[in-house]
Amino acid sequence: MDGTTARPVHRLGGGEITSATDWVAEEVPVALEYNGISHAVMLATPLDLADFALGFSLSEGLLDGPHELYGVEASAGELGITLQLQVSAAAFARLKAHRRVMAGRTGCGLCGAESLTAVARALPAYTGALRCTPAAIERAMVGMAARQPLQQLTGAVHAAAWCTADGTVVHLREDIGRHNALDKLIGALATAGIDASAGFIAVTSRASFEMVQKAAAAGVGLLAAVSAPTTLAVATAERAGLTLAGFVRQHGAVIYTHPGRIDLSVARAEAHAD
């Protein structure tokens, strides 16, 4: 399938070596150029690149909205893929004022940030009315796991999913980089015109600072992560009014910020019934 390459391998097992074919996730440099000016190079899975271009631009604060992106053209070369974005004059002026050149790695979301103020930028406070049950968060995680074809084939990619308040997975994107998967999701939501504040985001990774920052910038009220958060992620979620859930597993999670958004009435009623 797209985003993977078949490779001959040798499998070890039972004291023998056998020849086989394995599917390996593609990882290529993707350069983003805005009105002809290079801004960032990320290592990414070459899928859903239009979503990635828009989502990255929105989550990084380079665009105020999808209307400021006029078009995206992708061109492939020997060294990787270049995404050429045509943006509004206002967006281009902001980009030049806060320009940074990043060498993006799958484990690093802040490579090349010019200053501490560029890291801890202002985030919109959540003003929606989202409330979720523990069962909805669990349902989202189960649904997300079932909709990851790249992960099932390669075992090497992350996923980010936008879910309705009842835990139904509506949009999902995959990438070798957790930040890239989230950016692709944000771009897909913006393209579809979905009000992100009406649902929440689930991710297969840890809840790093930038994952929280991107989720808050997207306007959601809850970020549910399979793994742990960091101290900076927790502080950022607290400041942005974002409910941050980590270690989300079957029948359990750890809520680090704004627990009032978790509706326990159904769970308590079921417990009393038992």
C-alpha atoms as a PDB file:
ATOM      1  CA  MET A   1       0.000   0.000   0.000  1.00  0.00           C
ATOM      2  CA  ASP A   2       1.039   3.653  -0.345  1.00  0.00           C
ATOM      3  CA  GLY A   3       3.459   4.807   2.341  1.00  0.00           C
ATOM      4  CA  THR A   4       5.195   1.430   2.521  1.00  0.00           C
ATOM      5  CA  THR A   5       7.894  -0.428   0.610  1.00  0.00           C
ATOM      6  CA  ALA A   6       8.284  -4.187   0.344  1.00  0.00           C
ATOM      7  CA  ARG A   7      11.763  -5.361   1.372  1.00  0.00           C
ATOM      8  CA  PRO A   8      13.391  -8.792   1.335  1.00  0.00           C
ATOM      9  CA  VAL A   9      14.271  -9.860   4.887  1.00  0.00           C
ATOM     10  CA  HIS A  10      15.590 -12.857   6.760  1.00  0.00           C
ATOM     11  CA  ARG A  11      13.507 -14.074   9.682  1.00  0.00           C
ATOM     12  CA  LEU A  12      15.057 -15.763  12.681  1.00  0.00           C
ATOM     13  CA  GLY A  13      13.040 -18.339  14.571  1.00  0.00           C
ATOM     14  CA  GLY A  14      13.184 -21.896  15.788  1.00  0.00           C
ATOM     15  CA  GLY A  15      16.905 -21.979  15.235  1.00  0.00           C
ATOM     16  CA  GLU A  16      16.474 -21.299  11.506  1.00  0.00           C
ATOM     17  CA  ILE A  17      16.767 -18.410   9.066  1.00  0.00           C
ATOM     18  CA  THR A  18      14.096 -18.121   6.373  1.00  0.00           C
ATOM     19  CA  SER A  19      13.720 -15.652   3.515  1.00  0.00           C
ATOM     20  CA  ALA A  20      10.598 -13.491   3.475  1.00  0.00           C
ATOM     21  CA  THR A  21       9.175 -10.148   2.426  1.00  0.00           C
ATOM     22  CA  ASP A  22       8.376  -7.426   4.935  1.00  0.00           C
ATOM     23  CA  TRP A  23       6.619  -4.084   4.597  1.00  0.00           C
ATOM     24  CA  VAL A  24       8.606  -1.074   5.802  1.00  0.00           C
ATOM     25  CA  ALA A  25       7.120   2.370   6.460  1.00  0.00           C
ATOM     26  CA  GLU A  26       8.443   5.075   4.150  1.00  0.00           C
ATOM     27  CA  GLU A  27      10.276   7.987   5.730  1.00  0.00           C
ATOM     28  CA  VAL A  28      11.282  10.868   3.467  1.00  0.00           C
ATOM     29  CA  PRO A  29      12.362  14.494   3.930  1.00  0.00           C
ATOM     30  CA  VAL A  30       9.443  16.829   3.213  1.00  0.00           C
ATOM     31  CA  ALA A  31      10.329  20.481   2.682  1.00  0.00           C
ATOM     32  CA  LEU A  32       7.716  23.188   3.138  1.00  0.00           C
ATOM     33  CA  GLU A  33       8.153  26.357   1.083  1.00  0.00           C
ATOM     34  CA  TYR A  34       5.921  29.390   1.516  1.00  0.00           C
ATOM     35  CA  ASN A  35       5.690  31.688  -1.489  1.00  0.00           C
ATOM     36  CA  GLY A  36       9.042  30.332  -2.639  1.00  0.00           C
ATOM     37  CA  ILE A  37      10.799  30.674   0.736  1.00  0.00           C
ATOM     38  CA  SER A  38      12.011  27.512   2.494  1.00  0.00           C
ATOM     39  CA  HIS A  39      10.714  27.286   6.050  1.00  0.00           C
ATOM     40  CA  ALA A  40      10.989  23.747   7.389  1.00  0.00           C
ATOM     41  CA  VAL A  41      12.107  20.240   6.520  1.00  0.00           C
ATOM     42  CA  MET A  42      10.353  17.387   8.294  1.00  0.00           C
ATOM     43  CA  LEU A  43      10.831  13.637   8.095  1.00  0.00           C
ATOM     44  CA  ALA A  44       7.413  12.225   7.273  1.00  0.00           C
ATOM     45  CA  THR A  45       5.415   9.460   5.654  1.00  0.00           C
ATOM     46  CA  PRO A  46       4.554  10.648   2.118  1.00  0.00           C
ATOM     47  CA  LEU A  47       0.776  10.376   2.512  1.00  0.00           C
ATOM     48  CA  ASP A  48      -1.924  13.039   2.964  1.00  0.00           C
ATOM     49  CA  LEU A  49       0.629  15.754   2.231  1.00  0.00           C
ATOM     50  CA  ALA A  50      -1.972  18.419   1.458  1.00  0.00           C
ATOM     51  CA  ASP A  51      -3.463  17.802   4.914  1.00  0.00           C
ATOM     52  CA  PHE A  52       0.040  17.962   6.387  1.00  0.00           C
ATOM     53  CA  ALA A  53       0.828  21.279   4.703  1.00  0.00           C
ATOM     54  CA  LEU A  54      -2.375  22.899   5.950  1.00  0.00           C
ATOM     55  CA  GLY A  55      -2.309  21.344   9.410  1.00  0.00           C
ATOM     56  CA  PHE A  56       1.329  22.234  10.028  1.00  0.00           C
ATOM     57  CA  SER A  57       0.687  25.806   8.919  1.00  0.00           C
ATOM     58  CA  LEU A  58      -2.334  26.134  11.230  1.00  0.00           C
ATOM     59  CA  SER A  59      -0.834  24.418  14.274  1.00  0.00           C
ATOM     60  CA  GLU A  60       2.377  26.433  14.001  1.00  0.00           C
ATOM     61  CA  GLY A  61       0.418  29.681  13.867  1.00  0.00           C
ATOM     62  CA  LEU A  62       1.603  30.512  10.343  1.00  0.00           C
ATOM     63  CA  LEU A  63      -1.964  30.769   9.039  1.00  0.00           C
ATOM     64  CA  ASP A  64      -4.956  32.310  10.780  1.00  0.00           C
ATOM     65  CA  GLY A  65      -7.264  29.968   8.887  1.00  0.00           C
ATOM     66  CA  PRO A  66      -7.539  27.741   5.817  1.00  0.00           C
ATOM     67  CA  HIS A  67      -8.611  30.757   3.745  1.00  0.00           C
ATOM     68  CA  GLU A  68      -5.025  32.058   3.848  1.00  0.00           C
ATOM     69  CA  LEU A  69      -3.723  29.002   1.960  1.00  0.00           C
ATOM     70  CA  TYR A  70      -4.327  29.473  -1.763  1.00  0.00           C
ATOM     71  CA  GLY A  71      -2.775  26.245  -3.019  1.00  0.00           C
ATOM     72  CA  VAL A  72      -0.266  23.443  -2.454  1.00  0.00           C
ATOM     73  CA  GLU A  73       1.897  21.766  -5.090  1.00  0.00           C
ATOM     74  CA  ALA A  74       4.077  18.750  -4.355  1.00  0.00           C
ATOM     75  CA  SER A  75       7.196  17.949  -6.341  1.00  0.00           C
ATOM     76  CA  ALA A  76       9.352  14.872  -5.774  1.00  0.00           C
ATOM     77  CA  GLY A  77      13.115  14.836  -6.257  1.00  0.00           C
ATOM     78  CA  GLU A  78      16.055  12.604  -5.475  1.00  0.00           C
ATOM     79  CA  LEU A  79      16.435  14.072  -1.997  1.00  0.00           C
ATOM     80  CA  GLY A  80      12.771  14.145  -0.989  1.00  0.00           C
ATOM     81  CA  ILE A  81       9.496  15.981  -1.543  1.00  0.00           C
ATOM     82  CA  THR A  82       8.933  19.723  -1.671  1.00  0.00           C
ATOM     83  CA  LEU A  83       5.551  21.189  -0.767  1.00  0.00           C
ATOM     84  CA  GLN A  84       5.163  24.600  -2.366  1.00  0.00           C
ATOM     85  CA  LEU A  85       2.488  26.577  -0.510  1.00  0.00           C
ATOM     86  CA  GLN A  86       0.984  29.768  -1.863  1.00  0.00           C
ATOM     87  CA  VAL A  87      -0.263  31.863   1.053  1.00  0.00           C
ATOM     88  CA  SER A  88      -1.783  35.295   1.556  1.00  0.00           C
ATOM     89  CA  ALA A  89       0.362  38.392   1.896  1.00  0.00           C
ATOM     90  CA  ALA A  90      -0.644  38.716   5.558  1.00  0.00           C
ATOM     91  CA  ALA A  91       0.383  35.130   6.316  1.00  0.00           C
ATOM     92  CA  PHE A  92       3.662  35.557   4.460  1.00  0.00           C
ATOM     93  CA  ALA A  93       4.443  38.687   6.461  1.00  0.00           C
ATOM     94  CA  ARG A  94       3.879  36.803   9.719  1.00  0.00           C
ATOM     95  CA  LEU A  95       6.041  33.959   8.516  1.00  0.00           C
ATOM     96  CA  LYS A  96       8.936  36.273   7.694  1.00  0.00           C
ATOM     97  CA  ALA A  97       8.588  37.981  11.064  1.00  0.00           C
ATOM     98  CA  HIS A  98       8.807  34.685  12.960  1.00  0.00           C
ATOM     99  CA  ARG A  99      10.841  32.698  10.513  1.00  0.00           C
ATOM    100  CA  ARG A 100      12.631  29.600  11.628  1.00  0.00           C
ATOM    101  CA  VAL A 101      14.381  26.861   9.724  1.00  0.00           C
ATOM    102  CA  MET A 102      13.894  23.418  11.229  1.00  0.00           C
ATOM    103  CA  ALA A 103      15.595  20.096  10.660  1.00  0.00           C
ATOM    104  CA  GLY A 104      12.598  18.031  11.765  1.00  0.00           C
ATOM    105  CA  ARG A 105      13.175  14.672  13.401  1.00  0.00           C
ATOM    106  CA  THR A 106      10.469  12.236  14.381  1.00  0.00           C
ATOM    107  CA  GLY A 107      11.262  12.680  18.087  1.00  0.00           C
ATOM    108  CA  CYS A 108      11.826  16.429  18.107  1.00  0.00           C
ATOM    109  CA  GLY A 109       9.138  19.033  17.733  1.00  0.00           C
ATOM    110  CA  LEU A 110      11.101  22.187  18.546  1.00  0.00           C
ATOM    111  CA  CYS A 111      14.229  21.870  16.419  1.00  0.00           C
ATOM    112  CA  GLY A 112      15.238  25.315  15.203  1.00  0.00           C
ATOM    113  CA  ALA A 113      12.944  27.452  17.367  1.00  0.00           C
ATOM    114  CA  GLU A 114      14.434  30.910  17.491  1.00  0.00           C
ATOM    115  CA  SER A 115      13.642  31.770  21.107  1.00  0.00           C
ATOM    116  CA  LEU A 116      11.770  30.716  24.226  1.00  0.00           C
ATOM    117  CA  THR A 117       8.938  33.073  23.318  1.00  0.00           C
ATOM    118  CA  ALA A 118       8.573  31.191  20.026  1.00  0.00           C
ATOM    119  CA  VAL A 119       8.116  27.982  22.000  1.00  0.00           C
ATOM    120  CA  ALA A 120       5.544  29.152  24.550  1.00  0.00           C
ATOM    121  CA  ARG A 121       3.328  31.143  22.200  1.00  0.00           C
ATOM    122  CA  ALA A 122      -0.166  32.299  23.131  1.00  0.00           C
ATOM    123  CA  LEU A 123      -2.843  29.644  22.766  1.00  0.00           C
ATOM    124  CA  PRO A 124      -6.615  30.031  22.529  1.00  0.00           C
ATOM    125  CA  ALA A 125      -8.459  29.049  25.698  1.00  0.00           C
ATOM    126  CA  TYR A 126     -11.033  26.323  25.144  1.00  0.00           C
ATOM    127  CA  THR A 127     -14.552  27.751  25.274  1.00  0.00           C
ATOM    128  CA  GLY A 128     -16.611  24.782  24.061  1.00  0.00           C
ATOM    129  CA  ALA A 129     -19.019  22.621  26.012  1.00  0.00           C
ATOM    130  CA  LEU A 130     -17.468  19.184  25.486  1.00  0.00           C
ATOM    131  CA  ARG A 131     -18.093  16.512  28.098  1.00  0.00           C
ATOM    132  CA  CYS A 132     -16.962  12.908  27.668  1.00  0.00           C
ATOM    133  CA  THR A 133     -17.553   9.714  29.575  1.00  0.00           C
ATOM    134  CA  PRO A 134     -14.715   7.325  30.390  1.00  0.00           C
ATOM    135  CA  ALA A 135     -16.419   4.829  28.077  1.00  0.00           C
ATOM    136  CA  ALA A 136     -16.255   7.309  25.194  1.00  0.00           C
ATOM    137  CA  ILE A 137     -12.495   7.755  25.623  1.00  0.00           C
ATOM    138  CA  GLU A 138     -12.014   3.993  25.739  1.00  0.00           C
ATOM    139  CA  ARG A 139     -14.219   3.575  22.663  1.00  0.00           C
ATOM    140  CA  ALA A 140     -12.095   6.102  20.797  1.00  0.00           C
ATOM    141  CA  MET A 141      -8.882   4.242  21.574  1.00  0.00           C
ATOM    142  CA  VAL A 142     -10.339   0.929  20.444  1.00  0.00           C
ATOM    143  CA  GLY A 143     -11.722   2.490  17.274  1.00  0.00           C
ATOM    144  CA  MET A 144      -8.427   4.194  16.516  1.00  0.00           C
ATOM    145  CA  ALA A 145      -6.485   0.939  16.817  1.00  0.00           C
ATOM    146  CA  ALA A 146      -8.811  -0.704  14.312  1.00  0.00           C
ATOM    147  CA  ARG A 147      -8.283   2.035  11.705  1.00  0.00           C
ATOM    148  CA  GLN A 148      -4.491   2.054  11.362  1.00  0.00           C
ATOM    149  CA  PRO A 149      -3.622   0.105   8.202  1.00  0.00           C
ATOM    150  CA  LEU A 150      -0.054   1.428   8.031  1.00  0.00           C
ATOM    151  CA  GLN A 151       0.620   0.498  11.642  1.00  0.00           C
ATOM    152  CA  GLN A 152      -0.890  -2.936  11.191  1.00  0.00           C
ATOM    153  CA  LEU A 153       1.302  -3.536   8.140  1.00  0.00           C
ATOM    154  CA  THR A 154       4.595  -2.033   9.354  1.00  0.00           C
ATOM    155  CA  GLY A 155       4.417  -1.567  13.139  1.00  0.00           C
ATOM    156  CA  ALA A 156       6.273   1.732  12.722  1.00  0.00           C
ATOM    157  CA  VAL A 157       3.783   4.608  12.617  1.00  0.00           C
ATOM    158  CA  HIS A 158       1.705   6.773  14.936  1.00  0.00           C
ATOM    159  CA  ALA A 159      -1.907   7.841  14.538  1.00  0.00           C
ATOM    160  CA  ALA A 160      -4.019  10.811  15.570  1.00  0.00           C
ATOM    161  CA  ALA A 161      -7.815  10.662  15.470  1.00  0.00           C
ATOM    162  CA  TRP A 162     -10.611  13.186  15.932  1.00  0.00           C
ATOM    163  CA  CYS A 163     -13.583  11.672  17.722  1.00  0.00           C
ATOM    164  CA  THR A 164     -17.075  12.820  18.545  1.00  0.00           C
ATOM    165  CA  ALA A 165     -18.060  13.232  22.177  1.00  0.00           C
ATOM    166  CA  ASP A 166     -19.350   9.647  22.280  1.00  0.00           C
ATOM    167  CA  GLY A 167     -15.963   8.277  21.147  1.00  0.00           C
ATOM    168  CA  THR A 168     -16.741   7.640  17.474  1.00  0.00           C
ATOM    169  CA  VAL A 169     -13.630   8.011  15.312  1.00  0.00           C
ATOM    170  CA  VAL A 170     -14.461  10.331  12.406  1.00  0.00           C
ATOM    171  CA  HIS A 171     -11.067  11.283  10.964  1.00  0.00           C
ATOM    172  CA  LEU A 172      -7.701   9.572  11.409  1.00  0.00           C
ATOM    173  CA  ARG A 173      -4.251  10.174   9.959  1.00  0.00           C
ATOM    174  CA  GLU A 174      -1.027   8.139  10.259  1.00  0.00           C
ATOM    175  CA  ASP A 175       2.638   9.075  10.039  1.00  0.00           C
ATOM    176  CA  ILE A 176       6.012   7.919  11.301  1.00  0.00           C
ATOM    177  CA  GLY A 177       6.128  11.148  13.333  1.00  0.00           C
ATOM    178  CA  ARG A 178       3.555  11.734  16.050  1.00  0.00           C
ATOM    179  CA  HIS A 179       3.591  15.493  15.384  1.00  0.00           C
ATOM    180  CA  ASN A 180       3.104  14.888  11.669  1.00  0.00           C
ATOM    181  CA  ALA A 181       0.136  12.586  12.252  1.00  0.00           C
ATOM    182  CA  LEU A 182      -1.504  15.281  14.372  1.00  0.00           C
ATOM    183  CA  ASP A 183      -0.766  17.990  11.807  1.00  0.00           C
ATOM    184  CA  LYS A 184      -2.288  15.837   9.071  1.00  0.00           C
ATOM    185  CA  LEU A 185      -5.389  15.359  11.209  1.00  0.00           C
ATOM    186  CA  ILE A 186      -5.694  19.088  11.889  1.00  0.00           C
ATOM    187  CA  GLY A 187      -5.411  19.771   8.174  1.00  0.00           C
ATOM    188  CA  ALA A 188      -8.074  17.176   7.376  1.00  0.00           C
ATOM    189  CA  LEU A 189     -10.463  18.706   9.922  1.00  0.00           C
ATOM    190  CA  ALA A 190      -9.930  22.188   8.501  1.00  0.00           C
ATOM    191  CA  THR A 191     -10.464  20.986   4.937  1.00  0.00           C
ATOM    192  CA  ALA A 192     -13.687  19.218   5.941  1.00  0.00           C
ATOM    193  CA  GLY A 193     -14.919  22.304   7.798  1.00  0.00           C
ATOM    194  CA  ILE A 194     -15.378  20.368  11.035  1.00  0.00           C
ATOM    195  CA  ASP A 195     -15.772  22.242  14.315  1.00  0.00           C
ATOM    196  CA  ALA A 196     -12.976  20.529  16.237  1.00  0.00           C
ATOM    197  CA  SER A 197     -14.247  21.896  19.558  1.00  0.00           C
ATOM    198  CA  ALA A 198     -17.255  19.556  19.405  1.00  0.00           C
ATOM    199  CA  GLY A 199     -15.024  16.484  19.855  1.00  0.00           C
ATOM    200  CA  PHE A 200     -11.638  15.402  21.107  1.00  0.00           C
ATOM    201  CA  ILE A 201      -8.338  14.063  19.808  1.00  0.00           C
ATOM    202  CA  ALA A 202      -6.816  10.676  20.607  1.00  0.00           C
ATOM    203  CA  VAL A 203      -3.181   9.853  19.847  1.00  0.00           C
ATOM    204  CA  THR A 204      -1.067   6.708  19.979  1.00  0.00           C
ATOM    205  CA  SER A 205       1.969   8.480  21.385  1.00  0.00           C
ATOM    206  CA  ARG A 206       3.084  10.203  24.554  1.00  0.00           C
ATOM    207  CA  ALA A 207       1.599  13.632  25.210  1.00  0.00           C
ATOM    208  CA  SER A 208       4.591  15.862  24.607  1.00  0.00           C
ATOM    209  CA  PHE A 209       4.463  19.642  24.923  1.00  0.00           C
ATOM    210  CA  GLU A 210       4.028  20.219  21.215  1.00  0.00           C
ATOM    211  CA  MET A 211       1.264  17.621  20.928  1.00  0.00           C
ATOM    212  CA  VAL A 212      -0.650  19.551  23.593  1.00  0.00           C
ATOM    213  CA  GLN A 213       0.148  22.857  21.902  1.00  0.00           C
ATOM    214  CA  LYS A 214      -1.109  21.632  18.535  1.00  0.00           C
ATOM    215  CA  ALA A 215      -4.272  20.135  20.057  1.00  0.00           C
ATOM    216  CA  ALA A 216      -5.035  23.386  21.865  1.00  0.00           C
ATOM    217  CA  ALA A 217      -4.392  25.382  18.702  1.00  0.00           C
ATOM    218  CA  ALA A 218      -6.861  23.123  16.883  1.00  0.00           C
ATOM    219  CA  GLY A 219      -9.546  24.100  19.410  1.00  0.00           C
ATOM    220  CA  VAL A 220     -10.319  20.751  21.037  1.00  0.00           C
ATOM    221  CA  GLY A 221     -11.142  20.404  24.716  1.00  0.00           C
ATOM    222  CA  LEU A 222      -9.533  17.039  25.403  1.00  0.00           C
ATOM    223  CA  LEU A 223      -6.399  15.205  24.314  1.00  0.00           C
ATOM    224  CA  ALA A 224      -6.258  11.485  25.127  1.00  0.00           C
ATOM    225  CA  ALA A 225      -2.851   9.815  24.826  1.00  0.00           C
ATOM    226  CA  VAL A 226      -1.854   6.176  25.106  1.00  0.00           C
ATOM    227  CA  SER A 227       1.339   7.082  26.936  1.00  0.00           C
ATOM    228  CA  ALA A 228       2.553   9.668  29.450  1.00  0.00           C
ATOM    229  CA  PRO A 229       2.718  13.466  29.337  1.00  0.00           C
ATOM    230  CA  THR A 230       5.630  15.688  30.302  1.00  0.00           C
ATOM    231  CA  THR A 231       5.649  18.477  32.877  1.00  0.00           C
ATOM    232  CA  LEU A 232       5.645  21.154  30.172  1.00  0.00           C
ATOM    233  CA  ALA A 233       2.756  19.416  28.428  1.00  0.00           C
ATOM    234  CA  VAL A 234       0.739  19.373  31.653  1.00  0.00           C
ATOM    235  CA  ALA A 235       1.458  23.047  32.349  1.00  0.00           C
ATOM    236  CA  THR A 236       0.498  23.991  28.788  1.00  0.00           C
ATOM    237  CA  ALA A 237      -2.750  22.022  28.953  1.00  0.00           C
ATOM    238  CA  GLU A 238      -3.620  23.660  32.280  1.00  0.00           C
ATOM    239  CA  ARG A 239      -3.015  27.111  30.818  1.00  0.00           C
ATOM    240  CA  ALA A 240      -5.039  26.436  27.674  1.00  0.00           C
ATOM    241  CA  GLY A 241      -8.018  24.902  29.468  1.00  0.00           C
ATOM    242  CA  LEU A 242      -7.372  21.541  27.813  1.00  0.00           C
ATOM    243  CA  THR A 243      -8.247  18.274  29.530  1.00  0.00           C
ATOM    244  CA  LEU A 244      -5.176  16.049  29.272  1.00  0.00           C
ATOM    245  CA  ALA A 245      -5.579  12.290  29.713  1.00  0.00           C
ATOM    246  CA  GLY A 246      -2.570   9.994  29.676  1.00  0.00           C
ATOM    247  CA  PHE A 247      -1.989   6.264  30.055  1.00  0.00           C
ATOM    248  CA  VAL A 248      -5.383   5.646  28.466  1.00  0.00           C
ATOM    249  CA  ARG A 249      -5.968   1.934  28.679  1.00  0.00           C
ATOM    250  CA  GLN A 250      -8.943  -0.376  28.871  1.00  0.00           C
ATOM    251  CA  HIS A 251     -10.995   0.662  31.900  1.00  0.00           C
ATOM    252  CA  GLY A 252      -8.617   3.377  33.021  1.00  0.00           C
ATOM    253  CA  ALA A 253      -6.667   6.600  32.434  1.00  0.00           C
ATOM    254  CA  VAL A 254      -4.849   9.321  34.324  1.00  0.00           C
ATOM    255  CA  ILE A 255      -6.397  12.798  34.073  1.00  0.00           C
ATOM    256  CA  TYR A 256      -3.746  15.486  34.543  1.00  0.00           C
ATOM    257  CA  THR A 257      -5.723  18.682  33.946  1.00  0.00           C
ATOM    258  CA  HIS A 258      -9.321  19.927  33.997  1.00  0.00           C
ATOM    259  CA  PRO A 259     -10.999  16.690  35.140  1.00  0.00           C
ATOM    260  CA  GLY A 260     -14.418  18.332  35.248  1.00  0.00           C
ATOM    261  CA  ARG A 261     -14.826  17.665  31.544  1.00  0.00           C
ATOM    262  CA  ILE A 262     -15.019  13.923  32.277  1.00  0.00           C
ATOM    263  CA  ASP A 263     -18.617  12.912  32.971  1.00  0.00           C
ATOM    264  CA  LEU A 264     -18.594  10.193  35.642  1.00  0.00           C
ATOM    265  CA  SER A 265     -22.350  10.013  36.179  1.00  0.00           C
ATOM    266  CA  VAL A 266     -22.868   6.963  33.936  1.00  0.00           C
ATOM    267  CA  ALA A 267     -19.891   5.103  35.403  1.00  0.00           C
ATOM    268  CA  ARG A 268     -21.085   5.823  38.941  1.00  0.00           C
ATOM    269  CA  ALA A 269     -24.594   4.661  38.095  1.00  0.00           C
ATOM    270  CA  GLU A 270     -23.244   1.419  36.665  1.00  0.00           C
ATOM    271  CA  ALA A 271     -21.061   0.908  39.729  1.00  0.00           C
ATOM    272  CA  HIS A 272     -24.035   1.386  42.053  1.00  0.00           C
ATOM    273  CA  ALA A 273     -26.097  -1.000  39.930  1.00  0.00           C
ATOM    274  CA  ASP A 274     -23.453  -3.678  40.321  1.00  0.00           C
END
